[in-house]
PDB file of N, CA and C in Angstrom:
ATOM      1  N   MET A   1      -0.618  13.871  17.863  1.00  0.00           N
ATOM      2  CA  MET A   1      -1.563  14.846  18.050  1.00  0.00           C
ATOM      3  C   MET A   1      -2.646  14.807  16.840  1.00  0.00           C
ATOM      4  N   VAL A   2      -3.832  14.894  16.930  1.00  0.00           N
ATOM      5  CA  VAL A   2      -4.671  14.706  16.079  1.00  0.00           C
ATOM      6  C   VAL A   2      -4.851  15.940  15.087  1.00  0.00           C
ATOM      7  N   LYS A   3      -4.664  15.587  13.736  1.00  0.00           N
ATOM      8  CA  LYS A   3      -4.873  16.749  12.912  1.00  0.00           C
ATOM      9  C   LYS A   3      -6.362  17.192  12.440  1.00  0.00           C
ATOM     10  N   GLY A   4      -6.557  18.251  12.098  1.00  0.00           N
ATOM     11  CA  GLY A   4      -7.740  18.783  11.776  1.00  0.00           C
ATOM     12  C   GLY A   4      -8.891  18.042  11.322  1.00  0.00           C
ATOM     13  N   ASN A   5      -9.000  17.983  10.108  1.00  0.00           N
ATOM     14  CA  ASN A   5     -10.432  17.455   9.562  1.00  0.00           C
ATOM     15  C   ASN A   5     -10.177  15.905   9.463  1.00  0.00           C
ATOM     16  N   LYS A   6     -11.000  15.141  10.139  1.00  0.00           N
ATOM     17  CA  LYS A   6     -10.910  13.749  10.064  1.00  0.00           C
ATOM     18  C   LYS A   6     -12.157  13.049   9.278  1.00  0.00           C
ATOM     19  N   GLN A   7     -11.696  12.602   8.206  1.00  0.00           N
ATOM     20  CA  GLN A   7     -12.757  11.867   7.301  1.00  0.00           C
ATOM     21  C   GLN A   7     -12.158  10.413   7.124  1.00  0.00           C
ATOM     22  N   ARG A   8     -12.891   9.478   7.547  1.00  0.00           N
ATOM     23  CA  ARG A   8     -12.270   8.044   7.312  1.00  0.00           C
ATOM     24  C   ARG A   8     -12.672   7.632   6.078  1.00  0.00           C
ATOM     25  N   GLY A   9     -13.621   7.796   5.387  1.00  0.00           N
ATOM     26  CA  GLY A   9     -13.858   7.550   3.987  1.00  0.00           C
ATOM     27  C   GLY A   9     -14.903   6.310   4.052  1.00  0.00           C
ATOM     28  N   MET A  10     -15.664   6.212   2.947  1.00  0.00           N
ATOM     29  CA  MET A  10     -16.666   5.269   2.968  1.00  0.00           C
ATOM     30  C   MET A  10     -16.130   3.850   2.981  1.00  0.00           C
ATOM     31  N   TRP A  11     -14.977   3.346   2.195  1.00  0.00           N
ATOM     32  CA  TRP A  11     -14.514   2.157   2.089  1.00  0.00           C
ATOM     33  C   TRP A  11     -13.979   1.422   3.533  1.00  0.00           C
ATOM     34  N   LEU A  12     -13.405   2.483   3.946  1.00  0.00           N
ATOM     35  CA  LEU A  12     -12.689   2.035   5.400  1.00  0.00           C
ATOM     36  C   LEU A  12     -13.865   2.023   6.363  1.00  0.00           C
ATOM     37  N   THR A  13     -14.618   2.836   6.306  1.00  0.00           N
ATOM     38  CA  THR A  13     -15.902   2.759   7.325  1.00  0.00           C
ATOM     39  C   THR A  13     -16.642   1.349   7.149  1.00  0.00           C
ATOM     40  N   SER A  14     -16.970   1.100   5.919  1.00  0.00           N
ATOM     41  CA  SER A  14     -17.610   0.009   5.468  1.00  0.00           C
ATOM     42  C   SER A  14     -16.931  -1.430   5.934  1.00  0.00           C
ATOM     43  N   ALA A  15     -15.581  -1.356   5.597  1.00  0.00           N
ATOM     44  CA  ALA A  15     -14.661  -2.531   5.886  1.00  0.00           C
ATOM     45  C   ALA A  15     -14.516  -2.710   7.525  1.00  0.00           C
ATOM     46  N   LEU A  16     -14.420  -1.612   8.132  1.00  0.00           N
ATOM     47  CA  LEU A  16     -14.293  -1.749   9.752  1.00  0.00           C
ATOM     48  C   LEU A  16     -15.664  -2.298  10.149  1.00  0.00           C
ATOM     49  N   LEU A  17     -16.880  -1.589   9.702  1.00  0.00           N
ATOM     50  CA  LEU A  17     -18.121  -2.111  10.426  1.00  0.00           C
ATOM     51  C   LEU A  17     -18.315  -3.549  10.021  1.00  0.00           C
ATOM     52  N   ILE A  18     -18.028  -3.693   8.862  1.00  0.00           N
ATOM     53  CA  ILE A  18     -18.180  -5.322   8.232  1.00  0.00           C
ATOM     54  C   ILE A  18     -17.398  -6.396   9.050  1.00  0.00           C
ATOM     55  N   LEU A  19     -16.157  -5.946   9.316  1.00  0.00           N
ATOM     56  CA  LEU A  19     -15.285  -6.708  10.196  1.00  0.00           C
ATOM     57  C   LEU A  19     -15.406  -6.822  11.685  1.00  0.00           C
ATOM     58  N   ILE A  20     -16.197  -5.765  12.116  1.00  0.00           N
ATOM     59  CA  ILE A  20     -16.442  -5.755  13.661  1.00  0.00           C
ATOM     60  C   ILE A  20     -17.834  -6.457  13.830  1.00  0.00           C
ATOM     61  N   VAL A  21     -18.672  -6.508  12.893  1.00  0.00           N
ATOM     62  CA  VAL A  21     -19.884  -7.321  12.965  1.00  0.00           C
ATOM     63  C   VAL A  21     -19.459  -8.864  12.857  1.00  0.00           C
ATOM     64  N   VAL A  22     -18.526  -9.160  11.931  1.00  0.00           N
ATOM     65  CA  VAL A  22     -18.013 -10.558  11.527  1.00  0.00           C
ATOM     66  C   VAL A  22     -17.351 -11.172  12.558  1.00  0.00           C
ATOM     67  N   TYR A  23     -16.554 -10.323  13.395  1.00  0.00           N
ATOM     68  CA  TYR A  23     -15.634 -10.718  14.336  1.00  0.00           C
ATOM     69  C   TYR A  23     -16.698 -10.925  15.658  1.00  0.00           C
ATOM     70  N   SER A  24     -17.595 -10.265  15.701  1.00  0.00           N
ATOM     71  CA  SER A  24     -18.402 -10.180  16.972  1.00  0.00           C
ATOM     72  C   SER A  24     -18.999 -11.553  16.901  1.00  0.00           C
ATOM     73  N   LEU A  25     -19.761 -11.781  15.710  1.00  0.00           N
ATOM     74  CA  LEU A  25     -20.740 -12.916  15.524  1.00  0.00           C
ATOM     75  C   LEU A  25     -19.875 -14.249  15.648  1.00  0.00           C
ATOM     76  N   SER A  26     -18.659 -14.224  15.069  1.00  0.00           N
ATOM     77  CA  SER A  26     -17.927 -15.471  15.062  1.00  0.00           C
ATOM     78  C   SER A  26     -17.241 -15.618  16.528  1.00  0.00           C
ATOM     79  N   THR A  27     -17.009 -14.839  17.253  1.00  0.00           N
ATOM     80  CA  THR A  27     -16.509 -14.972  18.392  1.00  0.00           C
ATOM     81  C   THR A  27     -17.714 -15.520  19.497  1.00  0.00           C
ATOM     82  N   LEU A  28     -18.844 -14.779  19.150  1.00  0.00           N
ATOM     83  CA  LEU A  28     -20.019 -15.515  20.037  1.00  0.00           C
ATOM     84  C   LEU A  28     -20.330 -16.697  19.665  1.00  0.00           C
ATOM     85  N   GLN A  29     -20.200 -17.124  18.407  1.00  0.00           N
ATOM     86  CA  GLN A  29     -20.633 -18.398  17.936  1.00  0.00           C
ATOM     87  C   GLN A  29     -19.619 -19.458  18.394  1.00  0.00           C
ATOM     88  N   PHE A  30     -18.271 -19.120  18.358  1.00  0.00           N
ATOM     89  CA  PHE A  30     -17.337 -19.979  18.966  1.00  0.00           C
ATOM     90  C   PHE A  30     -17.399 -20.018  20.437  1.00  0.00           C
ATOM     91  N   ILE A  31     -17.655 -19.307  21.203  1.00  0.00           N
ATOM     92  CA  ILE A  31     -18.103 -19.309  22.719  1.00  0.00           C
ATOM     93  C   ILE A  31     -19.227 -20.290  22.808  1.00  0.00           C
ATOM     94  N   TYR A  32     -20.200 -20.024  22.096  1.00  0.00           N
ATOM     95  CA  TYR A  32     -21.486 -20.873  22.173  1.00  0.00           C
ATOM     96  C   TYR A  32     -21.390 -22.311  21.840  1.00  0.00           C
ATOM     97  N   THR A  33     -20.536 -22.471  20.969  1.00  0.00           N
ATOM     98  CA  THR A  33     -20.280 -23.937  20.463  1.00  0.00           C
ATOM     99  C   THR A  33     -19.352 -24.616  21.315  1.00  0.00           C
ATOM    100  N   SER A  34     -18.459 -23.898  21.740  1.00  0.00           N
ATOM    101  CA  SER A  34     -17.203 -24.381  22.775  1.00  0.00           C
ATOM    102  C   SER A  34     -18.023 -24.725  24.150  1.00  0.00           C
ATOM    103  N   SER A  35     -18.916 -23.935  24.625  1.00  0.00           N
ATOM    104  CA  SER A  35     -19.523 -24.126  25.824  1.00  0.00           C
ATOM    105  C   SER A  35     -20.290 -25.486  26.080  1.00  0.00           C
ATOM    106  N   ARG A  36     -20.700 -25.851  24.692  1.00  0.00           N
ATOM    107  CA  ARG A  36     -21.506 -27.083  24.746  1.00  0.00           C
ATOM    108  C   ARG A  36     -20.767 -28.490  24.830  1.00  0.00           C
ATOM    109  N   GLU A  37     -19.383 -28.282  24.623  1.00  0.00           N
ATOM    110  CA  GLU A  37     -18.481 -29.503  24.420  1.00  0.00           C
ATOM    111  C   GLU A  37     -18.274 -29.979  26.162  1.00  0.00           C
ATOM    112  N   PRO A  38     -17.559 -30.971  26.333  1.00  0.00           N
ATOM    113  CA  PRO A  38     -17.422 -31.472  27.656  1.00  0.00           C
ATOM    114  C   PRO A  38     -16.292 -30.539  28.349  1.00  0.00           C
ATOM    115  N   GLU A  39     -15.292 -30.303  27.677  1.00  0.00           N
ATOM    116  CA  GLU A  39     -14.190 -29.506  28.445  1.00  0.00           C
ATOM    117  C   GLU A  39     -14.591 -28.016  28.463  1.00  0.00           C
ATOM    118  N   GLY A  40     -15.348 -27.656  27.394  1.00  0.00           N
ATOM    119  CA  GLY A  40     -16.093 -26.371  27.392  1.00  0.00           C
ATOM    120  C   GLY A  40     -14.928 -25.179  27.171  1.00  0.00           C
ATOM    121  N   LEU A  41     -15.237 -24.207  27.732  1.00  0.00           N
ATOM    122  CA  LEU A  41     -14.269 -23.079  27.668  1.00  0.00           C
ATOM    123  C   LEU A  41     -12.956 -23.155  28.539  1.00  0.00           C
ATOM    124  N   MET A  42     -12.884 -24.148  29.204  1.00  0.00           N
ATOM    125  CA  MET A  42     -11.660 -24.364  30.143  1.00  0.00           C
ATOM    126  C   MET A  42     -10.623 -25.051  29.260  1.00  0.00           C
ATOM    127  N   ASN A  43     -10.707 -25.609  28.128  1.00  0.00           N
ATOM    128  CA  ASN A  43      -9.734 -25.913  27.142  1.00  0.00           C
ATOM    129  C   ASN A  43      -8.856 -24.742  26.769  1.00  0.00           C
ATOM    130  N   LEU A  44      -7.562 -24.850  26.842  1.00  0.00           N
ATOM    131  CA  LEU A  44      -6.584 -23.997  26.599  1.00  0.00           C
ATOM    132  C   LEU A  44      -6.748 -23.462  25.223  1.00  0.00           C
ATOM    133  N   TYR A  45      -6.760 -24.164  24.196  1.00  0.00           N
ATOM    134  CA  TYR A  45      -6.905 -24.012  22.925  1.00  0.00           C
ATOM    135  C   TYR A  45      -8.140 -22.903  22.573  1.00  0.00           C
ATOM    136  N   VAL A  46      -9.266 -23.363  23.290  1.00  0.00           N
ATOM    137  CA  VAL A  46     -10.303 -22.608  23.040  1.00  0.00           C
ATOM    138  C   VAL A  46     -10.401 -21.372  23.775  1.00  0.00           C
ATOM    139  N   LEU A  47      -9.720 -21.135  24.968  1.00  0.00           N
ATOM    140  CA  LEU A  47      -9.692 -20.007  25.734  1.00  0.00           C
ATOM    141  C   LEU A  47      -8.673 -18.959  24.978  1.00  0.00           C
ATOM    142  N   GLY A  48      -7.413 -19.564  24.334  1.00  0.00           N
ATOM    143  CA  GLY A  48      -6.641 -18.776  23.529  1.00  0.00           C
ATOM    144  C   GLY A  48      -7.285 -18.168  22.349  1.00  0.00           C
ATOM    145  N   THR A  49      -7.883 -18.994  21.695  1.00  0.00           N
ATOM    146  CA  THR A  49      -8.501 -18.565  20.521  1.00  0.00           C
ATOM    147  C   THR A  49      -9.554 -17.309  20.797  1.00  0.00           C
ATOM    148  N   THR A  50     -10.452 -17.629  21.793  1.00  0.00           N
ATOM    149  CA  THR A  50     -11.595 -16.708  22.116  1.00  0.00           C
ATOM    150  C   THR A  50     -10.660 -15.480  22.406  1.00  0.00           C
ATOM    151  N   ILE A  51      -9.683 -15.381  23.371  1.00  0.00           N
ATOM    152  CA  ILE A  51      -8.986 -14.243  23.520  1.00  0.00           C
ATOM    153  C   ILE A  51      -8.370 -13.505  22.442  1.00  0.00           C
ATOM    154  N   LEU A  52      -7.951 -14.119  21.420  1.00  0.00           N
ATOM    155  CA  LEU A  52      -7.261 -13.562  20.141  1.00  0.00           C
ATOM    156  C   LEU A  52      -8.101 -13.094  19.567  1.00  0.00           C
ATOM    157  N   GLY A  53      -9.516 -13.630  19.531  1.00  0.00           N
ATOM    158  CA  GLY A  53     -10.504 -12.818  18.858  1.00  0.00           C
ATOM    159  C   GLY A  53     -11.163 -11.655  19.331  1.00  0.00           C
ATOM    160  N   LEU A  54     -11.092 -11.586  20.630  1.00  0.00           N
ATOM    161  CA  LEU A  54     -11.617 -10.539  21.262  1.00  0.00           C
ATOM    162  C   LEU A  54     -10.594  -9.540  21.234  1.00  0.00           C
ATOM    163  N   ILE A  55      -9.347  -9.843  21.319  1.00  0.00           N
ATOM    164  CA  ILE A  55      -8.256  -8.791  20.946  1.00  0.00           C
ATOM    165  C   ILE A  55      -8.408  -8.175  19.590  1.00  0.00           C
ATOM    166  N   GLN A  56      -8.466  -8.936  18.563  1.00  0.00           N
ATOM    167  CA  GLN A  56      -8.756  -8.462  17.271  1.00  0.00           C
ATOM    168  C   GLN A  56      -9.832  -7.538  17.317  1.00  0.00           C
ATOM    169  N   LEU A  57     -11.067  -7.917  17.859  1.00  0.00           N
ATOM    170  CA  LEU A  57     -12.085  -7.184  17.857  1.00  0.00           C
ATOM    171  C   LEU A  57     -12.042  -5.669  18.579  1.00  0.00           C
ATOM    172  N   ILE A  58     -11.313  -5.525  19.625  1.00  0.00           N
ATOM    173  CA  ILE A  58     -10.920  -4.421  20.246  1.00  0.00           C
ATOM    174  C   ILE A  58     -10.054  -3.783  19.442  1.00  0.00           C
ATOM    175  N   GLY A  59      -9.007  -4.177  18.636  1.00  0.00           N
ATOM    176  CA  GLY A  59      -8.101  -3.589  17.700  1.00  0.00           C
ATOM    177  C   GLY A  59      -9.021  -2.853  16.548  1.00  0.00           C
ATOM    178  N   LEU A  60      -9.934  -3.460  15.965  1.00  0.00           N
ATOM    179  CA  LEU A  60     -10.844  -2.846  15.023  1.00  0.00           C
ATOM    180  C   LEU A  60     -11.750  -1.777  15.450  1.00  0.00           C
ATOM    181  N   ILE A  61     -12.146  -1.893  16.793  1.00  0.00           N
ATOM    182  CA  ILE A  61     -12.833  -0.718  17.271  1.00  0.00           C
ATOM    183  C   ILE A  61     -11.959   0.282  17.615  1.00  0.00           C
ATOM    184  N   LEU A  62     -10.899   0.298  18.070  1.00  0.00           N
ATOM    185  CA  LEU A  62     -10.039   1.333  18.456  1.00  0.00           C
ATOM    186  C   LEU A  62      -9.596   2.047  17.102  1.00  0.00           C
ATOM    187  N   VAL A  63      -9.485   1.182  15.992  1.00  0.00           N
ATOM    188  CA  VAL A  63      -9.178   1.779  14.615  1.00  0.00           C
ATOM    189  C   VAL A  63     -10.198   2.612  14.328  1.00  0.00           C
ATOM    190  N   PHE A  64     -11.517   2.145  14.538  1.00  0.00           N
ATOM    191  CA  PHE A  64     -12.767   2.851  14.274  1.00  0.00           C
ATOM    192  C   PHE A  64     -12.834   4.271  14.947  1.00  0.00           C
ATOM    193  N   LYS A  65     -12.161   4.212  16.248  1.00  0.00           N
ATOM    194  CA  LYS A  65     -12.095   5.366  17.156  1.00  0.00           C
ATOM    195  C   LYS A  65     -10.897   6.302  16.663  1.00  0.00           C
ATOM    196  N   TRP A  66     -10.132   6.115  15.764  1.00  0.00           N
ATOM    197  CA  TRP A  66      -9.076   6.939  15.201  1.00  0.00           C
ATOM    198  C   TRP A  66      -7.771   6.397  16.322  1.00  0.00           C
ATOM    199  N   LYS A  67      -7.471   5.286  16.702  1.00  0.00           N
ATOM    200  CA  LYS A  67      -6.466   5.098  17.533  1.00  0.00           C
ATOM    201  C   LYS A  67      -5.448   4.145  16.758  1.00  0.00           C
ATOM    202  N   LYS A  68      -4.155   4.550  16.726  1.00  0.00           N
ATOM    203  CA  LYS A  68      -3.210   3.733  16.216  1.00  0.00           C
ATOM    204  C   LYS A  68      -2.891   2.411  16.737  1.00  0.00           C
ATOM    205  N   LEU A  69      -3.081   2.419  18.099  1.00  0.00           N
ATOM    206  CA  LEU A  69      -2.941   1.079  18.943  1.00  0.00           C
ATOM    207  C   LEU A  69      -3.856   0.164  18.416  1.00  0.00           C
ATOM    208  N   GLY A  70      -4.939   0.391  17.983  1.00  0.00           N
ATOM    209  CA  GLY A  70      -5.954  -0.788  17.259  1.00  0.00           C
ATOM    210  C   GLY A  70      -5.423  -1.243  16.285  1.00  0.00           C
ATOM    211  N   ALA A  71      -4.716  -0.597  15.328  1.00  0.00           N
ATOM    212  CA  ALA A  71      -3.959  -1.058  14.099  1.00  0.00           C
ATOM    213  C   ALA A  71      -2.694  -2.019  14.596  1.00  0.00           C
ATOM    214  N   TYR A  72      -2.081  -1.442  15.461  1.00  0.00           N
ATOM    215  CA  TYR A  72      -1.023  -2.489  15.928  1.00  0.00           C
ATOM    216  C   TYR A  72      -1.389  -3.749  16.570  1.00  0.00           C
ATOM    217  N   LEU A  73      -2.441  -3.570  17.258  1.00  0.00           N
ATOM    218  CA  LEU A  73      -3.326  -4.792  18.052  1.00  0.00           C
ATOM    219  C   LEU A  73      -3.578  -5.587  16.909  1.00  0.00           C
ATOM    220  N   TYR A  74      -4.281  -5.247  16.076  1.00  0.00           N
ATOM    221  CA  TYR A  74      -5.067  -6.045  15.038  1.00  0.00           C
ATOM    222  C   TYR A  74      -3.787  -6.798  14.231  1.00  0.00           C
ATOM    223  N   ILE A  75      -2.720  -6.114  13.746  1.00  0.00           N
ATOM    224  CA  ILE A  75      -1.598  -6.712  13.237  1.00  0.00           C
ATOM    225  C   ILE A  75      -1.089  -7.496  13.792  1.00  0.00           C
ATOM    226  N   ALA A  76      -0.703  -7.470  15.252  1.00  0.00           N
ATOM    227  CA  ALA A  76       0.094  -8.265  15.913  1.00  0.00           C
ATOM    228  C   ALA A  76      -0.588  -9.727  16.406  1.00  0.00           C
ATOM    229  N   VAL A  77      -2.096  -9.359  16.545  1.00  0.00           N
ATOM    230  CA  VAL A  77      -2.806 -10.695  16.736  1.00  0.00           C
ATOM    231  C   VAL A  77      -3.184 -11.531  15.491  1.00  0.00           C
ATOM    232  N   ASN A  78      -3.157 -10.944  14.497  1.00  0.00           N
ATOM    233  CA  ASN A  78      -3.294 -11.532  13.142  1.00  0.00           C
ATOM    234  C   ASN A  78      -2.099 -12.445  12.773  1.00  0.00           C
ATOM    235  N   LEU A  79      -0.993 -11.937  13.065  1.00  0.00           N
ATOM    236  CA  LEU A  79       0.265 -12.511  12.699  1.00  0.00           C
ATOM    237  C   LEU A  79       0.487 -13.501  13.673  1.00  0.00           C
ATOM    238  N   THR A  80      -0.022 -13.515  14.950  1.00  0.00           N
ATOM    239  CA  THR A  80       0.350 -14.467  16.172  1.00  0.00           C
ATOM    240  C   THR A  80      -0.868 -15.619  15.634  1.00  0.00           C
ATOM    241  N   SER A  81      -1.795 -15.251  15.226  1.00  0.00           N
ATOM    242  CA  SER A  81      -2.972 -16.151  14.807  1.00  0.00           C
ATOM    243  C   SER A  81      -2.439 -17.321  13.703  1.00  0.00           C
ATOM    244  N   ILE A  82      -1.753 -16.664  12.863  1.00  0.00           N
ATOM    245  CA  ILE A  82      -1.109 -17.334  11.549  1.00  0.00           C
ATOM    246  C   ILE A  82      -0.115 -18.242  12.076  1.00  0.00           C
ATOM    247  N   VAL A  83       0.709 -17.948  12.960  1.00  0.00           N
ATOM    248  CA  VAL A  83       1.777 -18.689  13.568  1.00  0.00           C
ATOM    249  C   VAL A  83       1.223 -19.933  14.519  1.00  0.00           C
ATOM    250  N   ILE A  84       0.156 -19.553  15.083  1.00  0.00           N
ATOM    251  CA  ILE A  84      -0.498 -20.564  16.019  1.00  0.00           C
ATOM    252  C   ILE A  84      -1.150 -21.407  15.210  1.00  0.00           C
ATOM    253  N   GLY A  85      -1.745 -21.050  14.149  1.00  0.00           N
ATOM    254  CA  GLY A  85      -2.721 -21.813  13.144  1.00  0.00           C
ATOM    255  C   GLY A  85      -1.680 -22.961  12.240  1.00  0.00           C
ATOM    256  N   PHE A  86      -0.304 -22.355  12.057  1.00  0.00           N
ATOM    257  CA  PHE A  86       0.545 -23.416  11.495  1.00  0.00           C
ATOM    258  C   PHE A  86       1.076 -24.568  12.674  1.00  0.00           C
ATOM    259  N   ILE A  87       1.230 -24.103  13.873  1.00  0.00           N
ATOM    260  CA  ILE A  87       1.510 -25.009  14.949  1.00  0.00           C
ATOM    261  C   ILE A  87       0.505 -26.034  15.273  1.00  0.00           C
ATOM    262  N   THR A  88      -0.774 -25.440  15.288  1.00  0.00           N
ATOM    263  CA  THR A  88      -1.955 -26.454  15.811  1.00  0.00           C
ATOM    264  C   THR A  88      -2.433 -27.272  14.691  1.00  0.00           C
ATOM    265  N   SER A  89      -2.403 -26.958  13.607  1.00  0.00           N
ATOM    266  CA  SER A  89      -2.989 -27.650  12.390  1.00  0.00           C
ATOM    267  C   SER A  89      -1.798 -28.209  11.501  1.00  0.00           C
ATOM    268  N   SER A  90      -1.159 -29.098  12.000  1.00  0.00           N
ATOM    269  CA  SER A  90       0.046 -29.795  11.364  1.00  0.00           C
ATOM    270  C   SER A  90      -0.602 -30.786  10.524  1.00  0.00           C
ATOM    271  N   HIS A  91      -1.765 -31.424  10.639  1.00  0.00           N
ATOM    272  CA  HIS A  91      -2.446 -32.489  10.007  1.00  0.00           C
ATOM    273  C   HIS A  91      -3.315 -31.816   9.054  1.00  0.00           C
ATOM    274  N   PHE A  92      -3.743 -30.512   9.016  1.00  0.00           N
ATOM    275  CA  PHE A  92      -4.524 -29.741   8.071  1.00  0.00           C
ATOM    276  C   PHE A  92      -3.642 -28.505   7.520  1.00  0.00           C
ATOM    277  N   ILE A  93      -2.716 -28.535   6.951  1.00  0.00           N
ATOM    278  CA  ILE A  93      -1.939 -27.734   6.720  1.00  0.00           C
ATOM    279  C   ILE A  93      -2.598 -26.916   5.621  1.00  0.00           C
ATOM    280  N   LEU A  94      -3.332 -27.462   4.707  1.00  0.00           N
ATOM    281  CA  LEU A  94      -4.053 -26.560   3.692  1.00  0.00           C
ATOM    282  C   LEU A  94      -4.948 -25.521   4.436  1.00  0.00           C
ATOM    283  N   ALA A  95      -5.441 -26.075   5.525  1.00  0.00           N
ATOM    284  CA  ALA A  95      -6.345 -24.967   6.189  1.00  0.00           C
ATOM    285  C   ALA A  95      -5.574 -23.791   6.666  1.00  0.00           C
ATOM    286  N   ALA A  96      -4.521 -24.334   7.276  1.00  0.00           N
ATOM    287  CA  ALA A  96      -3.599 -23.298   7.933  1.00  0.00           C
ATOM    288  C   ALA A  96      -3.014 -22.322   6.763  1.00  0.00           C
ATOM    289  N   ILE A  97      -2.812 -22.899   5.496  1.00  0.00           N
ATOM    290  CA  ILE A  97      -2.426 -21.909   4.453  1.00  0.00           C
ATOM    291  C   ILE A  97      -3.512 -20.936   4.098  1.00  0.00           C
ATOM    292  N   MET A  98      -4.723 -21.503   3.997  1.00  0.00           N
ATOM    293  CA  MET A  98      -5.861 -20.716   3.648  1.00  0.00           C
ATOM    294  C   MET A  98      -6.108 -19.637   4.649  1.00  0.00           C
ATOM    295  N   ASN A  99      -5.943 -20.018   5.784  1.00  0.00           N
ATOM    296  CA  ASN A  99      -6.054 -18.972   6.876  1.00  0.00           C
ATOM    297  C   ASN A  99      -5.063 -17.798   6.804  1.00  0.00           C
ATOM    298  N   MET A 100      -4.021 -18.074   6.519  1.00  0.00           N
ATOM    299  CA  MET A 100      -2.942 -17.197   6.380  1.00  0.00           C
ATOM    300  C   MET A 100      -3.189 -16.287   5.254  1.00  0.00           C
ATOM    301  N   LEU A 101      -3.689 -17.099   4.038  1.00  0.00           N
ATOM    302  CA  LEU A 101      -3.895 -16.076   2.870  1.00  0.00           C
ATOM    303  C   LEU A 101      -5.019 -15.059   3.032  1.00  0.00           C
ATOM    304  N   VAL A 102      -6.188 -15.516   3.936  1.00  0.00           N
ATOM    305  CA  VAL A 102      -7.269 -14.652   4.207  1.00  0.00           C
ATOM    306  C   VAL A 102      -6.932 -13.559   5.033  1.00  0.00           C
ATOM    307  N   SER A 103      -5.967 -13.957   6.123  1.00  0.00           N
ATOM    308  CA  SER A 103      -5.532 -12.985   7.032  1.00  0.00           C
ATOM    309  C   SER A 103      -4.649 -11.930   6.359  1.00  0.00           C
ATOM    310  N   LEU A 104      -3.890 -12.447   5.360  1.00  0.00           N
ATOM    311  CA  LEU A 104      -2.984 -11.480   4.795  1.00  0.00           C
ATOM    312  C   LEU A 104      -3.498 -10.675   3.863  1.00  0.00           C
ATOM    313  N   ILE A 105      -4.718 -11.106   3.238  1.00  0.00           N
ATOM    314  CA  ILE A 105      -5.425 -10.159   2.210  1.00  0.00           C
ATOM    315  C   ILE A 105      -6.173  -9.254   3.077  1.00  0.00           C
ATOM    316  N   ILE A 106      -6.747  -9.588   4.257  1.00  0.00           N
ATOM    317  CA  ILE A 106      -7.456  -8.560   4.924  1.00  0.00           C
ATOM    318  C   ILE A 106      -6.509  -7.430   5.532  1.00  0.00           C
ATOM    319  N   LEU A 107      -5.537  -7.880   5.926  1.00  0.00           N
ATOM    320  CA  LEU A 107      -4.320  -6.888   6.445  1.00  0.00           C
ATOM    321  C   LEU A 107      -3.894  -6.080   5.467  1.00  0.00           C
ATOM    322  N   GLY A 108      -3.722  -6.666   4.054  1.00  0.00           N
ATOM    323  CA  GLY A 108      -3.345  -5.780   3.093  1.00  0.00           C
ATOM    324  C   GLY A 108      -4.535  -4.516   2.552  1.00  0.00           C
ATOM    325  N   ILE A 109      -5.638  -5.154   2.836  1.00  0.00           N
ATOM    326  CA  ILE A 109      -6.749  -4.123   2.559  1.00  0.00           C
ATOM    327  C   ILE A 109      -6.972  -3.091   3.612  1.00  0.00           C
ATOM    328  N   LEU A 110      -6.972  -3.321   4.781  1.00  0.00           N
ATOM    329  CA  LEU A 110      -7.136  -2.540   5.976  1.00  0.00           C
ATOM    330  C   LEU A 110      -5.730  -1.540   5.812  1.00  0.00           C
ATOM    331  N   TYR A 111      -4.478  -2.080   5.364  1.00  0.00           N
ATOM    332  CA  TYR A 111      -3.313  -1.162   5.323  1.00  0.00           C
ATOM    333  C   TYR A 111      -3.452  -0.347   4.165  1.00  0.00           C
ATOM    334  N   PHE A 112      -3.991  -0.540   3.023  1.00  0.00           N
ATOM    335  CA  PHE A 112      -4.286   0.222   1.788  1.00  0.00           C
ATOM    336  C   PHE A 112      -5.382   1.371   2.296  1.00  0.00           C
ATOM    337  N   LEU A 113      -6.213   0.941   3.120  1.00  0.00           N
ATOM    338  CA  LEU A 113      -7.242   1.804   3.475  1.00  0.00           C
ATOM    339  C   LEU A 113      -6.878   3.004   4.707  1.00  0.00           C
ATOM    340  N   ILE A 114      -5.957   2.232   5.640  1.00  0.00           N
ATOM    341  CA  ILE A 114      -5.659   3.259   6.609  1.00  0.00           C
ATOM    342  C   ILE A 114      -4.616   4.070   6.280  1.00  0.00           C
ATOM    343  N   CYS A 115      -3.735   3.723   5.334  1.00  0.00           N
ATOM    344  CA  CYS A 115      -2.594   4.616   5.124  1.00  0.00           C
ATOM    345  C   CYS A 115      -2.818   6.098   4.821  1.00  0.00           C
ATOM    346  N   PRO A 116      -3.791   6.492   4.149  1.00  0.00           N
ATOM    347  CA  PRO A 116      -4.000   7.722   3.756  1.00  0.00           C
ATOM    348  C   PRO A 116      -4.483   8.450   4.996  1.00  0.00           C
ATOM    349  N   MET A 117      -5.120   8.037   6.196  1.00  0.00           N
ATOM    350  CA  MET A 117      -5.455   8.756   7.293  1.00  0.00           C
ATOM    351  C   MET A 117      -4.572   8.431   8.426  1.00  0.00           C
ATOM    352  N   TRP A 118      -3.439   7.879   8.354  1.00  0.00           N
ATOM    353  CA  TRP A 118      -2.610   7.312   9.493  1.00  0.00           C
ATOM    354  C   TRP A 118      -2.266   8.659  10.238  1.00  0.00           C
ATOM    355  N   ASN A 119      -1.803   9.852   9.523  1.00  0.00           N
ATOM    356  CA  ASN A 119      -1.327  10.919  10.449  1.00  0.00           C
ATOM    357  C   ASN A 119      -2.441  11.510  11.138  1.00  0.00           C
ATOM    358  N   SER A 120      -3.634  11.329  10.821  1.00  0.00           N
ATOM    359  CA  SER A 120      -4.777  11.984  11.437  1.00  0.00           C
ATOM    360  C   SER A 120      -5.101  11.062  12.574  1.00  0.00           C
ATOM    361  N   MET A 121      -4.776   9.920  13.025  1.00  0.00           N
ATOM    362  CA  MET A 121      -4.857   9.046  13.988  1.00  0.00           C
ATOM    363  C   MET A 121      -4.116   9.449  15.227  1.00  0.00           C
ATOM    364  N   GLU A 122      -4.690   9.065  16.396  1.00  0.00           N
ATOM    365  CA  GLU A 122      -4.151   9.382  17.711  1.00  0.00           C
ATOM    366  C   GLU A 122      -2.907   8.247  18.012  1.00  0.00           C
TER     367      GLU A 122
END
């Protein structure tokens, strides 16, 4: 049940809006550049990455709309993308480690910002 007065706060609102815009633009750019290649969007890796990006975007939008499901979706897809990053980039392990660090930092920041309002979410 949603408790009375909902206030997201400036930092969480800013972080969510920035992440929503960045994920939207990067997903669109990834779809555009992938569609210009020979196999295009029919490549399994490209299709999976696009779907994971869209699910992360949906998770952020749900958090913006006060839904706990959005936080769970975002966390699950982030952890999945970390594992997939290590599996698919065995030759570029430094890139996988950097992706993991950035993802964990973003998750930590969102956790820190969402915790105070968790009980107000549906």
